[in-house]
Protein backbone atom coordinates (compact mmCIF):
# COMPACT_ATOMS: atom_id res chain seq x y z
CA ASP A 1 27.99 49.57 104.74
CA LYS A 2 25.17 48.39 102.96
CA PHE A 3 26.25 50.16 99.98
CA GLU A 4 29.14 48.54 98.88
CA HIS A 5 29.29 46.84 95.72
CA GLY A 6 32.78 45.09 96.01
CA LYS A 7 35.93 47.83 95.22
CA LYS A 8 35.54 48.04 91.35
CA GLY A 9 35.44 51.27 90.58
CA TYR A 10 33.39 52.47 87.37
CA ASN A 11 33.48 54.72 84.60
CA THR A 12 29.88 56.02 83.58
CA PRO A 13 27.02 56.21 86.71
CA ALA A 14 25.22 53.62 84.40
CA GLN A 15 25.71 50.34 82.25
CA PRO A 16 26.37 52.61 78.63
CA GLY A 17 23.15 51.86 76.23
CA THR A 18 21.18 49.98 78.36
CA GLY A 19 17.26 50.87 80.54
CA LEU A 20 15.91 49.71 83.35
CA MET A 21 12.31 47.61 82.76
CA LYS A 22 9.66 46.90 84.98
CA PRO A 23 9.53 43.70 86.37
CA VAL A 24 7.15 41.52 84.56
CA ASP A 25 7.56 38.55 86.98
CA ASP A 26 6.23 39.57 90.63
CA SER A 27 8.03 36.82 92.28
CA LYS A 28 11.13 38.03 91.10
CA LEU A 29 10.48 41.34 93.37
CA LEU A 30 12.91 42.05 95.81
CA ASN A 31 11.85 41.73 99.54
CA SER A 32 10.45 43.84 101.76
CA ASN A 33 13.70 45.19 103.43
CA ASP A 34 15.95 44.63 99.93
CA GLN A 35 12.96 47.16 98.57
CA SER A 36 13.52 49.80 101.61
CA THR A 37 17.49 49.30 100.90
CA LEU A 38 16.95 50.10 97.16
CA ARG A 39 14.48 53.13 98.02
CA SER A 40 16.86 54.48 100.94
CA GLY A 41 20.18 54.56 98.41
CA ILE A 42 18.01 56.52 95.77
CA GLY A 43 16.72 59.02 97.94
CA LYS A 44 20.78 59.66 98.68
CA LEU A 45 21.42 59.41 95.30
CA LEU A 46 18.43 61.78 94.56
CA TRP A 47 20.25 64.31 97.02
CA HIS A 48 23.56 64.36 95.54
CA MET A 49 21.71 64.56 91.88
CA GLN A 50 20.28 67.68 92.61
CA TYR A 51 22.80 69.73 94.68
CA SER A 52 26.05 68.73 93.30
CA ARG A 53 26.40 65.67 90.71
CA PRO A 54 24.47 66.38 87.84
CA ASP A 55 26.32 63.87 86.02
CA ILE A 56 24.79 61.06 87.06
CA SER A 57 20.98 62.36 86.45
CA GLN A 58 19.72 60.10 83.61
CA ALA A 59 20.62 56.81 85.97
CA VAL A 60 19.03 58.29 88.66
CA ARG A 61 15.91 59.62 86.43
CA ASP A 62 15.70 55.95 85.11
CA LEU A 63 15.99 54.89 88.91
CA ALA A 64 13.69 56.39 90.49
CA HIS A 65 10.63 55.15 88.31
CA HIS A 66 11.51 51.80 90.28
CA MET A 67 11.32 52.89 93.73
CA THR A 68 8.82 50.58 94.85
CA CYS A 69 8.67 47.81 92.39
CA GLY A 70 12.24 46.45 92.00
CA ASN A 71 14.47 43.86 91.47
CA GLN A 72 18.01 42.61 91.50
CA THR A 73 18.91 44.58 88.31
CA HIS A 74 17.23 48.07 89.84
CA MET A 75 19.71 47.07 93.08
CA ASP A 76 22.70 46.48 90.95
CA ALA A 77 22.00 49.37 89.22
CA MET A 78 21.94 51.48 91.98
CA LEU A 79 24.85 50.23 93.77
CA ARG A 80 26.68 50.42 90.67
CA CYS A 81 25.76 54.40 90.87
CA MET A 82 26.78 54.67 94.48
CA GLN A 83 30.14 52.97 93.53
CA TYR A 84 30.55 55.75 90.40
CA LEU A 85 30.19 58.34 93.20
CA ARG A 86 32.58 56.81 95.44
CA GLY A 87 35.28 56.77 92.87
CA THR A 88 34.81 60.36 91.69
CA LYS A 89 34.53 62.11 94.55
CA ASP A 90 36.48 65.12 93.47
CA ALA A 91 33.75 65.81 90.84
CA GLY A 92 30.62 68.23 90.72
CA LEU A 93 29.79 71.83 89.88
CA LEU A 94 32.40 73.93 89.25
CA LEU A 95 30.82 77.65 90.45
CA LYS A 96 33.16 79.91 88.31
CA PRO A 97 31.37 83.16 86.86
CA GLU A 98 32.95 83.70 83.34
CA ARG A 99 32.95 87.63 84.47
CA LYS A 100 33.16 88.89 87.79
CA TRP A 101 29.94 91.64 88.99
CA ASP A 102 31.54 95.25 89.65
CA GLY A 103 28.71 95.88 91.33
CA ASN A 104 27.59 98.58 88.98
CA ASP A 105 23.63 98.79 88.57
CA SER A 106 24.23 98.65 84.23
CA PHE A 107 25.90 95.67 84.68
CA LEU A 108 24.25 92.89 82.78
CA PHE A 109 23.86 89.06 83.52
CA LYS A 110 24.24 86.78 81.10
CA ILE A 111 21.58 83.69 80.87
CA THR A 112 22.35 80.50 78.11
CA GLY A 113 20.95 77.56 77.88
CA ILE A 114 21.31 74.18 76.30
CA SER A 115 18.53 71.47 75.76
CA ASP A 116 18.76 67.99 74.18
CA SER A 117 16.30 65.07 74.08
CA ASP A 118 16.67 61.62 72.82
CA TYR A 119 13.99 60.04 70.66
CA ALA A 120 11.54 56.86 72.24
CA LYS A 121 13.85 56.11 74.78
CA ASP A 122 11.43 54.42 77.09
CA THR A 123 10.65 50.95 75.05
CA GLN A 124 7.23 50.48 77.62
CA THR A 125 5.61 54.12 77.18
CA ARG A 126 8.01 55.53 74.12
CA ARG A 127 8.56 58.69 75.98
CA SER A 128 11.50 60.72 74.90
CA ILE A 129 14.11 62.06 77.69
CA THR A 130 14.30 65.53 78.16
CA GLY A 131 17.98 67.19 79.24
CA TYR A 132 19.34 70.39 79.97
CA VAL A 133 21.06 73.24 81.73
CA VAL A 134 20.56 76.84 82.55
CA TYR A 135 23.77 79.16 82.93
CA VAL A 136 23.80 82.17 84.68
CA GLU A 137 27.31 84.33 83.32
CA GLY A 138 28.75 80.29 82.82
CA VAL A 139 27.52 78.78 86.28
CA PRO A 140 25.30 75.98 85.97
CA VAL A 141 22.10 77.05 88.35
CA MET A 142 19.10 74.65 86.68
CA HIS A 143 19.66 71.33 85.24
CA ARG A 144 17.22 68.19 84.37
CA SER A 145 16.84 64.89 83.55
CA ALA A 146 13.23 64.05 83.09
CA THR A 147 10.82 61.96 81.21
CA GLN A 148 8.62 64.17 78.94
CA LYS A 149 4.80 64.04 79.59
CA THR A 150 3.51 63.00 76.27
CA VAL A 151 4.57 60.95 73.23
CA ALA A 152 6.84 63.12 70.66
CA LEU A 153 5.89 61.77 67.36
CA SER A 154 9.08 62.97 65.72
CA SER A 155 12.65 63.62 66.94
CA CYS A 156 12.16 67.14 66.26
CA GLU A 157 9.05 67.74 68.46
CA ALA A 158 11.14 65.94 71.32
CA GLU A 159 13.55 68.79 70.86
CA LEU A 160 11.23 71.44 70.86
CA ASN A 161 9.36 69.61 74.02
CA ALA A 162 12.74 69.97 75.67
CA ALA A 163 13.62 73.73 74.41
CA VAL A 164 10.60 74.76 75.99
CA LEU A 165 11.61 73.40 79.13
CA CYS A 166 14.61 75.09 79.14
CA VAL A 167 13.25 78.27 77.92
CA GLN A 168 11.14 78.47 81.40
CA ASP A 169 13.71 77.92 83.49
CA MET A 170 16.15 80.65 81.60
CA ILE A 171 13.28 82.87 81.74
CA TYR A 172 12.31 82.26 85.58
CA GLY A 173 15.81 82.71 86.60
CA LYS A 174 15.57 86.17 84.38
CA ASN A 175 12.46 87.06 86.42
CA LEU A 176 14.32 86.25 89.48
CA LEU A 177 17.73 88.18 88.96
CA GLU A 178 15.34 91.30 88.04
CA SER A 179 13.06 91.06 91.32
CA ILE A 180 16.46 91.74 93.23
CA GLY A 181 17.26 94.84 91.27
CA LEU A 182 19.75 92.73 89.02
CA LYS A 183 19.50 93.19 84.86
CA VAL A 184 20.08 90.74 82.50
CA LYS A 185 21.45 90.71 78.78
CA LEU A 186 18.88 90.30 75.87
CA PRO A 187 18.23 88.16 73.86
CA MET A 188 19.51 85.83 76.00
CA VAL A 189 20.92 82.69 73.85
CA LEU A 190 19.02 79.00 74.01
CA GLN A 191 21.03 76.43 71.87
CA ILE A 192 19.50 73.12 70.47
CA THR A 193 21.25 70.26 68.71
CA ASN A 194 18.50 69.33 66.18
CA LYS A 195 18.26 71.47 63.32
CA GLY A 196 14.69 71.09 62.16
CA ALA A 197 13.84 72.60 65.63
CA VAL A 198 15.89 75.33 65.03
CA ASP A 199 14.53 76.10 61.95
CA LEU A 200 10.75 75.88 62.76
CA ILE A 201 11.84 78.50 65.83
CA ASN A 202 13.15 80.71 63.47
CA SER A 203 10.82 80.90 60.53
CA PHE A 204 7.27 81.33 60.18
CA SER A 205 6.12 78.40 58.36
CA VAL A 206 3.59 75.95 60.07
CA GLY A 207 3.06 72.65 57.99
CA GLY A 208 0.73 69.83 57.80
CA ARG A 209 3.39 67.57 59.06
CA THR A 210 4.08 69.63 62.38
CA ARG A 211 0.63 71.66 63.21
CA HIS A 212 0.49 69.34 65.95
CA ILE A 213 3.28 71.20 67.80
CA ASP A 214 2.69 74.59 66.79
CA VAL A 215 1.68 75.99 69.97
CA LYS A 216 5.11 75.45 71.59
CA GLN A 217 6.64 76.26 68.58
CA CYS A 218 4.89 79.67 68.90
CA PHE A 219 5.33 80.19 72.14
CA LEU A 220 9.51 80.10 71.66
CA ARG A 221 8.94 81.97 68.60
CA GLU A 222 7.18 84.95 70.35
CA LEU A 223 10.23 85.12 73.16
CA LYS A 224 12.11 85.66 69.68
CA GLU A 225 9.96 88.14 68.03
CA SER A 226 10.18 90.14 71.41
CA LYS A 227 13.88 89.55 71.54
CA GLN A 228 14.15 87.94 74.45
CA LEU A 229 15.49 84.76 72.93
CA ILE A 230 18.17 83.63 70.27
CA VAL A 231 18.03 80.03 69.23
CA GLU A 232 21.08 78.46 67.76
């Protein structure tokens, strides 16, 4: 197996506390055959991440940035993630709803979300990393780990960016269920780990230090005021 990486098992898909950097010396790039192996491996990891293994999302997101310009460090990181999957074959998404639908038209499906973000994780671009999960009746139906499109100027702003992406997918889930004749319980609940972000969404004050993020802030407030969303 070309993805064999010894017999050592790993408890995490990536080395804790580390991140992958773009190669600065072209002479240390992988040769064409190894580069092809790297791309193939990352492609397989992307498939697993999307359909059954959200626990590798952060590691695979980092790897995917280096599919065309990897060195041995990136190859080792890809093989480590592969070996982690080998050793945790019984792990995966648990599709176990909290409640059972009785087929009644009046049943209200519960949609919830949890969002989080680090702050300026990428040392080269200083962009933050968004992570979130959307649940329907306690079942994870959408999950994502992605680099934010803009540079956040504070941890609070980074958390608001993540919250907006999560809420957009929550609304998509709501619209999808309603399009097939089902009903959704309102307001939906979003949980955020940053108290500053929660307070900004639930209040009406926009100071000079937060004016640059008030568009996202107002988007979430509008949903809250229309009783479609609760932010905790």
